[in-house]
């Protein structure tokens, strides 16, 4: 789960970006903001996912060779049955999809795993999604063939070798489904890293967006409290980083159960990290004065 510090830092960065865009509607900023802010985490998740796919797909190549070798005699038997044209079409479709699967996997293998370039990461993500989609399509046609073959009991024996190869390949796809949607398989301990990484990214976004929405909703009240302390206050007169920290801190003082001392200390740490050399003193003094005008935290909101 994301830490309180990570959530607060994301809030500050979002508020800062929104100010740079002239206070633009936050809904229009969210997607590009989160793509940027989680780029490193998503890249690590991509690499962990591919390594797991690589491990689970071990042995697929030999199964694929076996499948291809068994297709020719199976198609020859199906040619003798005009009513089996659709079944033969499924088998030919499978041959093409299995080839596409191997191509996507090979392309993924050749993408540098240590390159943090955003274009490389985007290409990696596209190919990974393509691999999963191809795998889903392939699984569909495998099932179509196996179900359709049951309608031709006279040649069941002749089709069994290729059917057996299809089932062997499908067992690999069943494993890959767990990698694509690890949250649906909590009992799989070896998928814990992928599952937790995806959950952490989702939770960071969810909790950050909730706080940002609350600050934006109460911005007039928050700015009013700041204006009561700062002489001739107007938001644009304060450094945008300091302004974001002050808005978060004031929101916490007014609307959460977080102890005032903790709010101020954490705001000071944010000022040290993101602000100027004067930010620490400015934020500390202003929030301290605001806290003196607030009652002790007894509101209904939970601590951040």
C-alpha atoms as a PDB file:
ATOM      1  CA  UNK A   1       0.000   0.000   0.000  1.00  0.00           C
ATOM      2  CA  UNK A   2       1.242   3.541  -0.702  1.00  0.00           C
ATOM      3  CA  UNK A   3       2.541   5.427   2.326  1.00  0.00           C
ATOM      4  CA  UNK A   4       1.048   8.627   3.704  1.00  0.00           C
ATOM      5  CA  UNK A   5       4.165  10.471   2.507  1.00  0.00           C
ATOM      6  CA  UNK A   6       3.766   9.164  -1.064  1.00  0.00           C
ATOM      7  CA  UNK A   7       0.106  10.204  -1.163  1.00  0.00           C
ATOM      8  CA  UNK A   8       0.815  13.698   0.173  1.00  0.00           C
ATOM      9  CA  UNK A   9       3.685  14.208  -2.274  1.00  0.00           C
ATOM     10  CA  UNK A  10       1.412  13.182  -5.151  1.00  0.00           C
ATOM     11  CA  UNK A  11      -1.253  15.640  -3.939  1.00  0.00           C
ATOM     12  CA  UNK A  12       1.296  18.486  -3.900  1.00  0.00           C
ATOM     13  CA  UNK A  13       2.543  17.629  -7.379  1.00  0.00           C
ATOM     14  CA  UNK A  14      -0.989  17.480  -8.783  1.00  0.00           C
ATOM     15  CA  UNK A  15      -2.037  20.794  -7.215  1.00  0.00           C
ATOM     16  CA  UNK A  16       1.165  22.373  -8.523  1.00  0.00           C
ATOM     17  CA  UNK A  17       0.521  21.073 -12.060  1.00  0.00           C
ATOM     18  CA  UNK A  18      -3.079  22.294 -11.926  1.00  0.00           C
ATOM     19  CA  UNK A  19      -1.861  25.774 -10.951  1.00  0.00           C
ATOM     20  CA  UNK A  20       0.605  25.801 -13.847  1.00  0.00           C
ATOM     21  CA  UNK A  21      -2.352  25.127 -16.137  1.00  0.00           C
ATOM     22  CA  UNK A  22      -4.170  28.155 -14.744  1.00  0.00           C
ATOM     23  CA  UNK A  23      -6.360  26.163 -12.384  1.00  0.00           C
ATOM     24  CA  UNK A  24      -7.644  23.990 -15.219  1.00  0.00           C
ATOM     25  CA  UNK A  25     -10.368  21.421 -14.648  1.00  0.00           C
ATOM     26  CA  UNK A  26      -8.543  18.605 -12.817  1.00  0.00           C
ATOM     27  CA  UNK A  27     -10.360  15.901 -14.781  1.00  0.00           C
ATOM     28  CA  UNK A  28      -8.479  16.941 -17.916  1.00  0.00           C
ATOM     29  CA  UNK A  29      -5.108  16.742 -16.164  1.00  0.00           C
ATOM     30  CA  UNK A  30      -5.493  13.407 -14.443  1.00  0.00           C
ATOM     31  CA  UNK A  31      -4.523  10.975 -17.192  1.00  0.00           C
ATOM     32  CA  UNK A  32      -1.317  12.758 -18.312  1.00  0.00           C
ATOM     33  CA  UNK A  33      -0.407  13.450 -14.674  1.00  0.00           C
ATOM     34  CA  UNK A  34      -0.723   9.821 -13.607  1.00  0.00           C
ATOM     35  CA  UNK A  35       1.065   8.558 -16.695  1.00  0.00           C
ATOM     36  CA  UNK A  36       4.004  10.747 -15.725  1.00  0.00           C
ATOM     37  CA  UNK A  37       3.958  10.235 -11.962  1.00  0.00           C
ATOM     38  CA  UNK A  38       3.704   6.425 -12.102  1.00  0.00           C
ATOM     39  CA  UNK A  39       5.965   5.894 -15.115  1.00  0.00           C
ATOM     40  CA  UNK A  40       8.789   4.299 -13.123  1.00  0.00           C
ATOM     41  CA  UNK A  41       6.432   2.062 -11.120  1.00  0.00           C
ATOM     42  CA  UNK A  42       4.593   0.971 -14.252  1.00  0.00           C
ATOM     43  CA  UNK A  43       7.903   0.192 -15.971  1.00  0.00           C
ATOM     44  CA  UNK A  44       8.981  -1.998 -13.045  1.00  0.00           C
ATOM     45  CA  UNK A  45       5.595  -3.713 -13.153  1.00  0.00           C
ATOM     46  CA  UNK A  46       5.982  -4.351 -16.886  1.00  0.00           C
ATOM     47  CA  UNK A  47       9.378  -5.978 -16.380  1.00  0.00           C
ATOM     48  CA  UNK A  48       8.137  -8.120 -13.480  1.00  0.00           C
ATOM     49  CA  UNK A  49       5.142  -9.187 -15.576  1.00  0.00           C
ATOM     50  CA  UNK A  50       7.271 -10.161 -18.559  1.00  0.00           C
ATOM     51  CA  UNK A  51       9.696 -12.145 -16.411  1.00  0.00           C
ATOM     52  CA  UNK A  52       6.759 -14.084 -15.009  1.00  0.00           C
ATOM     53  CA  UNK A  53       5.357 -14.646 -18.510  1.00  0.00           C
ATOM     54  CA  UNK A  54       8.780 -15.841 -19.660  1.00  0.00           C
ATOM     55  CA  UNK A  55       8.925 -18.304 -16.775  1.00  0.00           C
ATOM     56  CA  UNK A  56       5.390 -19.634 -17.284  1.00  0.00           C
ATOM     57  CA  UNK A  57       5.826 -19.961 -21.058  1.00  0.00           C
ATOM     58  CA  UNK A  58       8.856 -22.212 -20.647  1.00  0.00           C
ATOM     59  CA  UNK A  59       8.456 -25.249 -22.888  1.00  0.00           C
ATOM     60  CA  UNK A  60       5.896 -23.616 -25.170  1.00  0.00           C
ATOM     61  CA  UNK A  61       8.158 -23.714 -28.216  1.00  0.00           C
ATOM     62  CA  UNK A  62       8.436 -27.508 -28.188  1.00  0.00           C
ATOM     63  CA  UNK A  63       4.668 -27.815 -27.742  1.00  0.00           C
ATOM     64  CA  UNK A  64       4.143 -25.448 -30.661  1.00  0.00           C
ATOM     65  CA  UNK A  65       6.447 -27.478 -32.929  1.00  0.00           C
ATOM     66  CA  UNK A  66       4.488 -30.594 -32.009  1.00  0.00           C
ATOM     67  CA  UNK A  67       1.182 -28.820 -32.750  1.00  0.00           C
ATOM     68  CA  UNK A  68       2.340 -27.602 -36.177  1.00  0.00           C
ATOM     69  CA  UNK A  69       3.570 -31.088 -37.134  1.00  0.00           C
ATOM     70  CA  UNK A  70       0.228 -32.614 -36.193  1.00  0.00           C
ATOM     71  CA  UNK A  71      -1.850 -30.029 -38.063  1.00  0.00           C
ATOM     72  CA  UNK A  72      -1.035 -31.314 -41.569  1.00  0.00           C
ATOM     73  CA  UNK A  73      -2.437 -34.846 -41.092  1.00  0.00           C
ATOM     74  CA  UNK A  74      -5.434 -33.438 -39.183  1.00  0.00           C
ATOM     75  CA  UNK A  75      -6.259 -31.075 -42.055  1.00  0.00           C
ATOM     76  CA  UNK A  76      -5.900 -33.958 -44.508  1.00  0.00           C
ATOM     77  CA  UNK A  77      -8.521 -35.936 -42.577  1.00  0.00           C
ATOM     78  CA  UNK A  78     -10.823 -32.911 -42.396  1.00  0.00           C
ATOM     79  CA  UNK A  79     -10.552 -32.396 -46.166  1.00  0.00           C
ATOM     80  CA  UNK A  80     -12.422 -35.670 -46.586  1.00  0.00           C
ATOM     81  CA  UNK A  81     -15.397 -34.215 -44.726  1.00  0.00           C
ATOM     82  CA  UNK A  82     -17.058 -31.270 -46.554  1.00  0.00           C
ATOM     83  CA  UNK A  83     -19.211 -30.575 -43.493  1.00  0.00           C
ATOM     84  CA  UNK A  84     -16.016 -30.046 -41.452  1.00  0.00           C
ATOM     85  CA  UNK A  85     -15.039 -26.898 -43.360  1.00  0.00           C
ATOM     86  CA  UNK A  86     -15.618 -24.651 -40.339  1.00  0.00           C
ATOM     87  CA  UNK A  87     -13.547 -26.927 -38.116  1.00  0.00           C
ATOM     88  CA  UNK A  88     -10.703 -26.826 -40.634  1.00  0.00           C
ATOM     89  CA  UNK A  89     -11.009 -23.027 -40.691  1.00  0.00           C
ATOM     90  CA  UNK A  90     -10.610 -22.947 -36.896  1.00  0.00           C
ATOM     91  CA  UNK A  91      -7.456 -25.039 -37.158  1.00  0.00           C
ATOM     92  CA  UNK A  92      -5.949 -22.783 -39.822  1.00  0.00           C
ATOM     93  CA  UNK A  93      -6.856 -19.764 -37.715  1.00  0.00           C
ATOM     94  CA  UNK A  94      -5.081 -21.373 -34.774  1.00  0.00           C
ATOM     95  CA  UNK A  95      -1.923 -21.848 -36.831  1.00  0.00           C
ATOM     96  CA  UNK A  96      -1.882 -18.126 -37.658  1.00  0.00           C
ATOM     97  CA  UNK A  97      -2.597 -17.057 -34.066  1.00  0.00           C
ATOM     98  CA  UNK A  98       0.070 -19.321 -32.582  1.00  0.00           C
ATOM     99  CA  UNK A  99       2.545 -17.744 -35.003  1.00  0.00           C
ATOM    100  CA  UNK A 100       1.410 -14.243 -33.965  1.00  0.00           C
ATOM    101  CA  UNK A 101       1.828 -15.219 -30.303  1.00  0.00           C
ATOM    102  CA  UNK A 102       5.419 -16.308 -30.906  1.00  0.00           C
ATOM    103  CA  UNK A 103       6.187 -13.116 -32.837  1.00  0.00           C
ATOM    104  CA  UNK A 104       4.840 -10.859 -30.058  1.00  0.00           C
ATOM    105  CA  UNK A 105       6.786 -12.823 -27.452  1.00  0.00           C
ATOM    106  CA  UNK A 106      10.018 -12.576 -29.459  1.00  0.00           C
ATOM    107  CA  UNK A 107       9.578  -8.821 -29.900  1.00  0.00           C
ATOM    108  CA  UNK A 108       9.106  -8.434 -26.146  1.00  0.00           C
ATOM    109  CA  UNK A 109      12.271 -10.408 -25.492  1.00  0.00           C
ATOM    110  CA  UNK A 110      14.305  -8.010 -27.626  1.00  0.00           C
ATOM    111  CA  UNK A 111      13.124  -4.776 -25.973  1.00  0.00           C
ATOM    112  CA  UNK A 112      15.795  -3.457 -23.544  1.00  0.00           C
ATOM    113  CA  UNK A 113      14.656  -4.140 -19.973  1.00  0.00           C
ATOM    114  CA  UNK A 114      16.924  -1.489 -18.432  1.00  0.00           C
ATOM    115  CA  UNK A 115      16.000   1.390 -20.752  1.00  0.00           C
ATOM    116  CA  UNK A 116      13.825   3.963 -18.959  1.00  0.00           C
ATOM    117  CA  UNK A 117      12.976   5.880 -22.135  1.00  0.00           C
ATOM    118  CA  UNK A 118       9.229   6.582 -22.204  1.00  0.00           C
ATOM    119  CA  UNK A 119       8.938   5.509 -25.861  1.00  0.00           C
ATOM    120  CA  UNK A 120      10.498   2.144 -25.016  1.00  0.00           C
ATOM    121  CA  UNK A 121       8.140   1.728 -22.061  1.00  0.00           C
ATOM    122  CA  UNK A 122       5.143   2.550 -24.257  1.00  0.00           C
ATOM    123  CA  UNK A 123       6.276   0.065 -26.909  1.00  0.00           C
ATOM    124  CA  UNK A 124       6.776  -2.573 -24.215  1.00  0.00           C
ATOM    125  CA  UNK A 125       3.282  -1.979 -22.822  1.00  0.00           C
ATOM    126  CA  UNK A 126       1.726  -2.134 -26.299  1.00  0.00           C
ATOM    127  CA  UNK A 127       3.434  -5.428 -27.129  1.00  0.00           C
ATOM    128  CA  UNK A 128       2.543  -6.913 -23.747  1.00  0.00           C
ATOM    129  CA  UNK A 129      -1.119  -6.023 -24.272  1.00  0.00           C
ATOM    130  CA  UNK A 130      -0.904  -7.446 -27.797  1.00  0.00           C
ATOM    131  CA  UNK A 131       0.498 -10.701 -26.426  1.00  0.00           C
ATOM    132  CA  UNK A 132      -2.319 -11.023 -23.892  1.00  0.00           C
ATOM    133  CA  UNK A 133      -4.970 -10.221 -26.527  1.00  0.00           C
ATOM    134  CA  UNK A 134      -3.493 -12.745 -28.961  1.00  0.00           C
ATOM    135  CA  UNK A 135      -3.446 -15.316 -26.181  1.00  0.00           C
ATOM    136  CA  UNK A 136      -7.140 -14.691 -25.425  1.00  0.00           C
ATOM    137  CA  UNK A 137      -8.054 -14.983 -29.124  1.00  0.00           C
ATOM    138  CA  UNK A 138      -6.012 -18.167 -29.424  1.00  0.00           C
ATOM    139  CA  UNK A 139      -7.703 -19.680 -26.368  1.00  0.00           C
ATOM    140  CA  UNK A 140     -11.094 -18.933 -27.935  1.00  0.00           C
ATOM    141  CA  UNK A 141     -10.294 -20.755 -31.189  1.00  0.00           C
ATOM    142  CA  UNK A 142      -8.725 -23.665 -29.334  1.00  0.00           C
ATOM    143  CA  UNK A 143     -11.991 -24.179 -27.497  1.00  0.00           C
ATOM    144  CA  UNK A 144     -13.957 -23.774 -30.723  1.00  0.00           C
ATOM    145  CA  UNK A 145     -11.893 -26.512 -32.367  1.00  0.00           C
ATOM    146  CA  UNK A 146     -12.065 -28.910 -29.415  1.00  0.00           C
ATOM    147  CA  UNK A 147     -15.829 -28.453 -29.105  1.00  0.00           C
ATOM    148  CA  UNK A 148     -16.360 -28.776 -32.862  1.00  0.00           C
ATOM    149  CA  UNK A 149     -14.262 -31.943 -33.079  1.00  0.00           C
ATOM    150  CA  UNK A 150     -16.761 -33.692 -30.812  1.00  0.00           C
ATOM    151  CA  UNK A 151     -19.278 -33.487 -33.675  1.00  0.00           C
ATOM    152  CA  UNK A 152     -17.149 -35.834 -35.794  1.00  0.00           C
ATOM    153  CA  UNK A 153     -16.873 -39.060 -33.783  1.00  0.00           C
ATOM    154  CA  UNK A 154     -15.895 -41.002 -36.903  1.00  0.00           C
ATOM    155  CA  UNK A 155     -12.502 -39.269 -37.026  1.00  0.00           C
ATOM    156  CA  UNK A 156     -12.010 -38.579 -33.316  1.00  0.00           C
ATOM    157  CA  UNK A 157      -9.019 -40.899 -33.250  1.00  0.00           C
ATOM    158  CA  UNK A 158      -7.355 -39.151 -36.191  1.00  0.00           C
ATOM    159  CA  UNK A 159      -7.930 -35.712 -34.627  1.00  0.00           C
ATOM    160  CA  UNK A 160      -6.808 -36.689 -31.122  1.00  0.00           C
ATOM    161  CA  UNK A 161      -3.065 -35.993 -31.668  1.00  0.00           C
ATOM    162  CA  UNK A 162      -3.685 -32.373 -32.703  1.00  0.00           C
ATOM    163  CA  UNK A 163      -6.362 -32.002 -30.006  1.00  0.00           C
ATOM    164  CA  UNK A 164      -3.862 -33.193 -27.392  1.00  0.00           C
ATOM    165  CA  UNK A 165      -1.330 -30.592 -28.599  1.00  0.00           C
ATOM    166  CA  UNK A 166      -3.988 -27.883 -28.382  1.00  0.00           C
ATOM    167  CA  UNK A 167      -4.800 -28.846 -24.796  1.00  0.00           C
ATOM    168  CA  UNK A 168      -1.108 -28.768 -23.886  1.00  0.00           C
ATOM    169  CA  UNK A 169      -0.747 -25.244 -25.308  1.00  0.00           C
ATOM    170  CA  UNK A 170      -3.921 -24.142 -23.532  1.00  0.00           C
ATOM    171  CA  UNK A 171      -2.457 -25.109 -20.167  1.00  0.00           C
ATOM    172  CA  UNK A 172       0.195 -22.411 -20.706  1.00  0.00           C
ATOM    173  CA  UNK A 173      -2.514 -19.881 -21.581  1.00  0.00           C
ATOM    174  CA  UNK A 174      -4.358 -20.754 -18.373  1.00  0.00           C
ATOM    175  CA  UNK A 175      -1.224 -19.757 -16.449  1.00  0.00           C
ATOM    176  CA  UNK A 176      -0.866 -16.518 -18.415  1.00  0.00           C
ATOM    177  CA  UNK A 177      -4.429 -15.539 -17.558  1.00  0.00           C
ATOM    178  CA  UNK A 178      -3.310 -15.434 -13.930  1.00  0.00           C
ATOM    179  CA  UNK A 179      -0.503 -13.019 -14.863  1.00  0.00           C
ATOM    180  CA  UNK A 180      -2.836 -10.750 -16.823  1.00  0.00           C
ATOM    181  CA  UNK A 181      -5.347 -10.572 -13.959  1.00  0.00           C
ATOM    182  CA  UNK A 182      -3.363 -11.503 -10.820  1.00  0.00           C
ATOM    183  CA  UNK A 183      -5.909  -9.906  -8.483  1.00  0.00           C
ATOM    184  CA  UNK A 184      -8.339 -12.717  -9.386  1.00  0.00           C
ATOM    185  CA  UNK A 185      -5.904 -15.357  -8.125  1.00  0.00           C
ATOM    186  CA  UNK A 186      -4.929 -14.326  -4.569  1.00  0.00           C
ATOM    187  CA  UNK A 187      -3.900 -17.890  -3.745  1.00  0.00           C
ATOM    188  CA  UNK A 188      -0.999 -17.712  -6.230  1.00  0.00           C
ATOM    189  CA  UNK A 189       1.932 -16.696  -4.018  1.00  0.00           C
ATOM    190  CA  UNK A 190       4.348 -16.384  -6.958  1.00  0.00           C
ATOM    191  CA  UNK A 191       2.173 -13.594  -8.410  1.00  0.00           C
ATOM    192  CA  UNK A 192       2.262 -11.532  -5.204  1.00  0.00           C
ATOM    193  CA  UNK A 193       4.775  -8.970  -6.508  1.00  0.00           C
ATOM    194  CA  UNK A 194       2.711  -8.219  -9.624  1.00  0.00           C
ATOM    195  CA  UNK A 195      -0.545  -8.206  -7.672  1.00  0.00           C
ATOM    196  CA  UNK A 196       0.780  -5.832  -5.011  1.00  0.00           C
ATOM    197  CA  UNK A 197       2.413  -3.493  -7.552  1.00  0.00           C
ATOM    198  CA  UNK A 198      -0.831  -3.095  -9.482  1.00  0.00           C
ATOM    199  CA  UNK A 199      -2.777  -2.564  -6.256  1.00  0.00           C
ATOM    200  CA  UNK A 200      -0.295   0.038  -4.973  1.00  0.00           C
ATOM    201  CA  UNK A 201      -0.497   2.099  -8.168  1.00  0.00           C
ATOM    202  CA  UNK A 202      -4.307   1.957  -8.114  1.00  0.00           C
ATOM    203  CA  UNK A 203      -4.489   2.898  -4.423  1.00  0.00           C
ATOM    204  CA  UNK A 204      -2.053   5.795  -4.800  1.00  0.00           C
ATOM    205  CA  UNK A 205      -4.208   7.244  -7.540  1.00  0.00           C
ATOM    206  CA  UNK A 206      -7.491   6.614  -5.714  1.00  0.00           C
ATOM    207  CA  UNK A 207      -6.434   8.178  -2.418  1.00  0.00           C
ATOM    208  CA  UNK A 208      -4.634  11.108  -4.053  1.00  0.00           C
ATOM    209  CA  UNK A 209      -7.617  11.920  -6.266  1.00  0.00           C
ATOM    210  CA  UNK A 210      -9.958  11.829  -3.260  1.00  0.00           C
ATOM    211  CA  UNK A 211      -7.847  14.368  -1.352  1.00  0.00           C
ATOM    212  CA  UNK A 212      -7.380  16.596  -4.408  1.00  0.00           C
ATOM    213  CA  UNK A 213     -11.140  16.600  -5.050  1.00  0.00           C
ATOM    214  CA  UNK A 214     -11.809  17.594  -1.433  1.00  0.00           C
ATOM    215  CA  UNK A 215      -9.262  20.436  -1.566  1.00  0.00           C
ATOM    216  CA  UNK A 216     -10.690  21.764  -4.832  1.00  0.00           C
ATOM    217  CA  UNK A 217     -14.236  21.552  -3.455  1.00  0.00           C
ATOM    218  CA  UNK A 218     -13.236  23.513  -0.336  1.00  0.00           C
ATOM    219  CA  UNK A 219     -10.709  25.820  -1.994  1.00  0.00           C
ATOM    220  CA  UNK A 220     -12.641  29.027  -1.269  1.00  0.00           C
ATOM    221  CA  UNK A 221     -12.813  28.184   2.428  1.00  0.00           C
ATOM    222  CA  UNK A 222      -9.136  27.150   2.492  1.00  0.00           C
ATOM    223  CA  UNK A 223      -7.977  30.298   0.693  1.00  0.00           C
ATOM    224  CA  UNK A 224     -10.154  32.351   3.017  1.00  0.00           C
ATOM    225  CA  UNK A 225      -8.310  30.980   6.050  1.00  0.00           C
ATOM    226  CA  UNK A 226      -4.955  31.721   4.430  1.00  0.00           C
ATOM    227  CA  UNK A 227      -6.108  35.231   3.458  1.00  0.00           C
ATOM    228  CA  UNK A 228      -7.032  35.935   7.077  1.00  0.00           C
ATOM    229  CA  UNK A 229      -3.367  35.448   8.022  1.00  0.00           C
ATOM    230  CA  UNK A 230      -1.499  36.809   4.987  1.00  0.00           C
ATOM    231  CA  UNK A 231      -1.800  40.553   4.476  1.00  0.00           C
ATOM    232  CA  UNK A 232      -3.112  41.543   1.024  1.00  0.00           C
ATOM    233  CA  UNK A 233      -3.391  37.856   0.156  1.00  0.00           C
ATOM    234  CA  UNK A 234      -4.051  36.640  -3.353  1.00  0.00           C
ATOM    235  CA  UNK A 235      -3.125  33.107  -4.470  1.00  0.00           C
ATOM    236  CA  UNK A 236      -0.916  34.234  -7.353  1.00  0.00           C
ATOM    237  CA  UNK A 237       1.336  36.192  -4.980  1.00  0.00           C
ATOM    238  CA  UNK A 238       2.487  32.978  -3.290  1.00  0.00           C
ATOM    239  CA  UNK A 239       4.949  30.574  -4.908  1.00  0.00           C
ATOM    240  CA  UNK A 240       2.873  27.766  -6.533  1.00  0.00           C
ATOM    241  CA  UNK A 241       4.697  25.036  -4.597  1.00  0.00           C
ATOM    242  CA  UNK A 242       4.166  26.835  -1.284  1.00  0.00           C
ATOM    243  CA  UNK A 243       0.556  27.472  -2.262  1.00  0.00           C
ATOM    244  CA  UNK A 244      -0.041  23.758  -2.880  1.00  0.00           C
ATOM    245  CA  UNK A 245       1.549  22.819   0.463  1.00  0.00           C
ATOM    246  CA  UNK A 246      -0.463  25.470   2.316  1.00  0.00           C
ATOM    247  CA  UNK A 247      -3.728  24.339   0.756  1.00  0.00           C
ATOM    248  CA  UNK A 248      -3.069  20.717   1.697  1.00  0.00           C
ATOM    249  CA  UNK A 249      -1.984  21.675   5.218  1.00  0.00           C
ATOM    250  CA  UNK A 250      -4.947  23.982   5.779  1.00  0.00           C
ATOM    251  CA  UNK A 251      -7.338  21.333   4.482  1.00  0.00           C
ATOM    252  CA  UNK A 252      -5.890  18.816   6.942  1.00  0.00           C
ATOM    253  CA  UNK A 253      -6.135  21.258   9.850  1.00  0.00           C
ATOM    254  CA  UNK A 254      -9.765  22.027   9.076  1.00  0.00           C
ATOM    255  CA  UNK A 255     -11.186  18.737   7.848  1.00  0.00           C
ATOM    256  CA  UNK A 256      -9.210  15.743   9.134  1.00  0.00           C
ATOM    257  CA  UNK A 257      -8.451  14.170  12.485  1.00  0.00           C
ATOM    258  CA  UNK A 258      -4.708  14.367  11.921  1.00  0.00           C
ATOM    259  CA  UNK A 259      -3.034  16.065  14.938  1.00  0.00           C
ATOM    260  CA  UNK A 260      -2.112  19.662  14.168  1.00  0.00           C
ATOM    261  CA  UNK A 261       1.530  19.173  15.116  1.00  0.00           C
ATOM    262  CA  UNK A 262       1.815  16.266  12.673  1.00  0.00           C
ATOM    263  CA  UNK A 263       0.174  18.295   9.889  1.00  0.00           C
ATOM    264  CA  UNK A 264       2.628  21.166  10.357  1.00  0.00           C
ATOM    265  CA  UNK A 265       5.704  18.939  10.665  1.00  0.00           C
ATOM    266  CA  UNK A 266       4.787  17.021   7.521  1.00  0.00           C
ATOM    267  CA  UNK A 267       4.118  20.263   5.640  1.00  0.00           C
ATOM    268  CA  UNK A 268       7.591  21.464   6.652  1.00  0.00           C
ATOM    269  CA  UNK A 269       9.100  18.267   5.226  1.00  0.00           C
ATOM    270  CA  UNK A 270       7.210  18.817   1.968  1.00  0.00           C
ATOM    271  CA  UNK A 271       8.500  22.395   1.865  1.00  0.00           C
ATOM    272  CA  UNK A 272      12.065  21.166   2.362  1.00  0.00           C
ATOM    273  CA  UNK A 273      11.733  18.722  -0.494  1.00  0.00           C
ATOM    274  CA  UNK A 274       9.763  20.734  -3.046  1.00  0.00           C
ATOM    275  CA  UNK A 275      10.057  24.386  -2.031  1.00  0.00           C
ATOM    276  CA  UNK A 276      12.707  27.094  -1.888  1.00  0.00           C
ATOM    277  CA  UNK A 277      15.085  27.890   0.959  1.00  0.00           C
ATOM    278  CA  UNK A 278      12.440  30.228   2.437  1.00  0.00           C
ATOM    279  CA  UNK A 279       9.513  27.811   2.095  1.00  0.00           C
ATOM    280  CA  UNK A 280      10.095  25.917   5.337  1.00  0.00           C
ATOM    281  CA  UNK A 281       9.863  29.016   7.550  1.00  0.00           C
ATOM    282  CA  UNK A 282       6.954  30.516   5.601  1.00  0.00           C
ATOM    283  CA  UNK A 283       4.846  27.333   5.656  1.00  0.00           C
ATOM    284  CA  UNK A 284       5.624  26.667   9.312  1.00  0.00           C
ATOM    285  CA  UNK A 285       4.650  30.159  10.463  1.00  0.00           C
ATOM    286  CA  UNK A 286       1.454  30.389   8.449  1.00  0.00           C
ATOM    287  CA  UNK A 287       0.099  26.927   9.298  1.00  0.00           C
ATOM    288  CA  UNK A 288       0.954  27.442  12.957  1.00  0.00           C
ATOM    289  CA  UNK A 289      -1.195  30.584  13.000  1.00  0.00           C
ATOM    290  CA  UNK A 290      -4.047  28.820  11.194  1.00  0.00           C
ATOM    291  CA  UNK A 291      -3.894  25.905  13.647  1.00  0.00           C
ATOM    292  CA  UNK A 292      -4.370  28.332  16.533  1.00  0.00           C
ATOM    293  CA  UNK A 293      -7.683  29.424  15.015  1.00  0.00           C
ATOM    294  CA  UNK A 294      -8.888  25.819  14.648  1.00  0.00           C
ATOM    295  CA  UNK A 295     -10.314  23.587  17.329  1.00  0.00           C
ATOM    296  CA  UNK A 296      -8.564  20.307  18.104  1.00  0.00           C
ATOM    297  CA  UNK A 297      -9.267  17.735  15.369  1.00  0.00           C
ATOM    298  CA  UNK A 298     -12.683  16.225  16.071  1.00  0.00           C
ATOM    299  CA  UNK A 299     -14.162  16.219  12.557  1.00  0.00           C
ATOM    300  CA  UNK A 300     -15.743  13.260  10.840  1.00  0.00           C
ATOM    301  CA  UNK A 301     -12.973  12.826   8.286  1.00  0.00           C
ATOM    302  CA  UNK A 302     -10.421  10.092   8.841  1.00  0.00           C
ATOM    303  CA  UNK A 303      -6.697  10.856   9.083  1.00  0.00           C
ATOM    304  CA  UNK A 304      -4.947  11.023   5.726  1.00  0.00           C
END
